[in-house]
């Protein structure tokens, strides 16, 4: 799955650690999602979308 998490995080001036803390997860989880090594759970994907005031589909897209 591809994602725009790093782009959104940078646009909001957030570090990986700050985003992780805001979402109640670990920095390693954020790193793994950004690198495409880990797909977030549905609840975490909703938290991410809510945090950035957007939809899951605007952040995460299936591999083509």
N, C-alpha and C. Protein backbone atom coordinates (compact mmCIF):
# COMPACT_ATOMS: atom_id res chain seq x y z
N UNK A 1 0.84 -1.16 0.00
CA UNK A 1 0.00 0.00 0.00
C UNK A 1 0.90 1.24 0.00
N UNK A 2 0.56 2.19 -0.85
CA UNK A 2 1.29 3.45 -0.88
C UNK A 2 0.60 4.44 0.05
N UNK A 3 1.37 5.42 0.55
CA UNK A 3 0.76 6.41 1.43
C UNK A 3 1.46 7.75 1.33
N UNK A 4 0.77 8.77 1.80
CA UNK A 4 1.27 10.14 1.80
C UNK A 4 1.57 10.62 3.22
N UNK A 5 1.80 9.71 4.13
CA UNK A 5 1.97 10.07 5.52
C UNK A 5 3.18 10.99 5.73
N UNK A 6 4.30 10.67 5.16
CA UNK A 6 5.49 11.51 5.33
C UNK A 6 5.25 12.91 4.78
N UNK A 7 4.59 12.98 3.65
CA UNK A 7 4.28 14.27 3.03
C UNK A 7 3.37 15.11 3.93
N UNK A 8 2.31 14.50 4.46
CA UNK A 8 1.40 15.22 5.35
C UNK A 8 2.08 15.63 6.64
N UNK A 9 2.87 14.73 7.19
CA UNK A 9 3.56 15.02 8.43
C UNK A 9 4.51 16.20 8.26
N UNK A 10 5.28 16.19 7.18
CA UNK A 10 6.22 17.29 6.90
C UNK A 10 5.49 18.60 6.66
N UNK A 11 4.38 18.54 5.93
CA UNK A 11 3.60 19.75 5.63
C UNK A 11 3.06 20.40 6.91
N UNK A 12 2.85 19.58 7.94
CA UNK A 12 2.34 20.10 9.21
C UNK A 12 3.47 20.39 10.21
N UNK A 13 4.72 20.23 9.76
CA UNK A 13 5.87 20.53 10.60
C UNK A 13 6.03 19.61 11.78
N UNK A 14 5.64 18.35 11.61
CA UNK A 14 5.71 17.39 12.70
C UNK A 14 6.89 16.44 12.54
N UNK A 15 7.50 16.10 13.65
CA UNK A 15 8.49 15.03 13.63
C UNK A 15 7.76 13.69 13.70
N UNK A 16 8.47 12.63 13.39
CA UNK A 16 7.86 11.31 13.51
C UNK A 16 7.47 11.04 14.96
N UNK A 17 8.30 11.46 15.88
CA UNK A 17 8.03 11.25 17.30
C UNK A 17 6.79 12.02 17.75
N UNK A 18 6.65 13.26 17.28
CA UNK A 18 5.48 14.07 17.68
C UNK A 18 4.20 13.48 17.13
N UNK A 19 4.23 13.01 15.89
CA UNK A 19 3.05 12.39 15.31
C UNK A 19 2.71 11.10 16.05
N UNK A 20 3.71 10.31 16.33
CA UNK A 20 3.48 9.06 17.06
C UNK A 20 2.83 9.33 18.41
N UNK A 21 3.33 10.32 19.12
CA UNK A 21 2.76 10.65 20.43
C UNK A 21 1.31 11.11 20.29
N UNK A 22 1.04 11.94 19.30
CA UNK A 22 -0.33 12.44 19.09
C UNK A 22 -1.30 11.31 18.76
N UNK A 23 -0.81 10.28 18.09
CA UNK A 23 -1.66 9.16 17.68
C UNK A 23 -1.67 8.01 18.69
N UNK A 24 -0.82 8.10 19.70
CA UNK A 24 -0.76 7.03 20.69
C UNK A 24 -0.10 5.78 20.17
N UNK A 25 0.91 5.96 19.34
CA UNK A 25 1.64 4.81 18.80
C UNK A 25 3.14 5.08 18.93
N UNK A 26 3.96 4.22 18.39
CA UNK A 26 5.41 4.40 18.51
C UNK A 26 5.99 5.09 17.27
N UNK A 27 7.13 5.70 17.47
CA UNK A 27 7.84 6.32 16.35
C UNK A 27 8.19 5.26 15.31
N UNK A 28 8.55 4.08 15.77
CA UNK A 28 8.90 2.99 14.85
C UNK A 28 7.71 2.62 13.96
N UNK A 29 6.50 2.67 14.50
CA UNK A 29 5.31 2.39 13.70
C UNK A 29 5.16 3.44 12.61
N UNK A 30 5.35 4.71 12.95
CA UNK A 30 5.25 5.78 11.95
C UNK A 30 6.31 5.59 10.87
N UNK A 31 7.52 5.29 11.27
CA UNK A 31 8.60 5.04 10.30
C UNK A 31 8.21 3.90 9.37
N UNK A 32 7.73 2.81 9.92
CA UNK A 32 7.38 1.63 9.12
C UNK A 32 6.23 1.91 8.16
N UNK A 33 5.24 2.69 8.60
CA UNK A 33 4.14 3.05 7.71
C UNK A 33 4.66 3.93 6.58
N UNK A 34 5.44 4.95 6.93
CA UNK A 34 5.96 5.86 5.90
C UNK A 34 6.80 5.14 4.85
N UNK A 35 7.54 4.15 5.27
CA UNK A 35 8.40 3.40 4.34
C UNK A 35 7.66 2.30 3.59
N UNK A 36 6.38 2.11 3.92
CA UNK A 36 5.59 1.09 3.24
C UNK A 36 5.87 -0.31 3.71
N UNK A 37 6.51 -0.45 4.85
CA UNK A 37 6.83 -1.78 5.40
C UNK A 37 5.71 -2.32 6.28
N UNK A 38 4.77 -1.45 6.65
CA UNK A 38 3.70 -1.82 7.57
C UNK A 38 2.43 -1.10 7.18
N UNK A 39 1.34 -1.84 7.07
CA UNK A 39 0.03 -1.24 6.82
C UNK A 39 -0.65 -1.06 8.17
N UNK A 40 -1.15 0.14 8.44
CA UNK A 40 -1.76 0.37 9.75
C UNK A 40 -3.06 -0.39 9.91
N UNK A 41 -3.42 -0.66 11.14
CA UNK A 41 -4.73 -1.25 11.41
C UNK A 41 -5.79 -0.24 11.00
N UNK A 42 -7.00 -0.70 10.83
CA UNK A 42 -8.08 0.20 10.45
C UNK A 42 -8.29 1.30 11.50
N UNK A 43 -8.30 0.96 12.79
CA UNK A 43 -8.44 2.04 13.78
C UNK A 43 -7.32 3.08 13.71
N UNK A 44 -6.09 2.65 13.47
CA UNK A 44 -4.98 3.60 13.36
C UNK A 44 -5.12 4.42 12.09
N UNK A 45 -5.52 3.82 11.00
CA UNK A 45 -5.73 4.56 9.75
C UNK A 45 -6.78 5.64 9.95
N UNK A 46 -7.85 5.33 10.68
CA UNK A 46 -8.88 6.34 10.97
C UNK A 46 -8.32 7.45 11.85
N UNK A 47 -7.50 7.11 12.84
CA UNK A 47 -6.88 8.13 13.69
C UNK A 47 -6.01 9.07 12.87
N UNK A 48 -5.23 8.50 11.96
CA UNK A 48 -4.35 9.30 11.11
C UNK A 48 -5.17 10.25 10.24
N UNK A 49 -6.20 9.71 9.60
CA UNK A 49 -7.05 10.54 8.74
C UNK A 49 -7.73 11.64 9.55
N UNK A 50 -8.24 11.31 10.72
CA UNK A 50 -8.90 12.30 11.57
C UNK A 50 -7.91 13.38 12.00
N UNK A 51 -6.71 12.97 12.36
CA UNK A 51 -5.69 13.92 12.81
C UNK A 51 -5.39 14.95 11.72
N UNK A 52 -5.30 14.49 10.47
CA UNK A 52 -4.99 15.38 9.36
C UNK A 52 -6.24 15.94 8.68
N UNK A 53 -7.40 15.70 9.27
CA UNK A 53 -8.67 16.22 8.77
C UNK A 53 -8.89 15.87 7.29
N UNK A 54 -8.73 14.60 6.99
CA UNK A 54 -8.92 14.11 5.62
C UNK A 54 -9.48 12.70 5.69
N UNK A 55 -9.57 12.05 4.56
CA UNK A 55 -10.08 10.68 4.51
C UNK A 55 -8.93 9.69 4.41
N UNK A 56 -9.23 8.47 4.76
CA UNK A 56 -8.23 7.40 4.62
C UNK A 56 -7.78 7.29 3.17
N UNK A 57 -8.74 7.42 2.25
CA UNK A 57 -8.42 7.28 0.82
C UNK A 57 -7.48 8.37 0.32
N UNK A 58 -7.46 9.52 0.99
CA UNK A 58 -6.55 10.60 0.59
C UNK A 58 -5.14 10.36 1.09
N UNK A 59 -4.97 9.43 2.02
CA UNK A 59 -3.66 9.12 2.57
C UNK A 59 -3.11 7.81 2.05
N UNK A 60 -3.96 6.79 2.03
CA UNK A 60 -3.53 5.45 1.67
C UNK A 60 -4.18 5.01 0.36
N UNK A 61 -3.36 4.47 -0.54
CA UNK A 61 -3.88 3.94 -1.80
C UNK A 61 -3.28 2.55 -2.03
N UNK A 62 -4.08 1.66 -2.61
CA UNK A 62 -3.55 0.31 -2.87
C UNK A 62 -2.42 0.35 -3.91
N UNK A 63 -1.53 -0.61 -3.81
CA UNK A 63 -0.49 -0.76 -4.82
C UNK A 63 -1.14 -1.04 -6.17
N UNK A 64 -0.52 -0.49 -7.21
CA UNK A 64 -1.07 -0.73 -8.56
C UNK A 64 -0.34 -1.84 -9.24
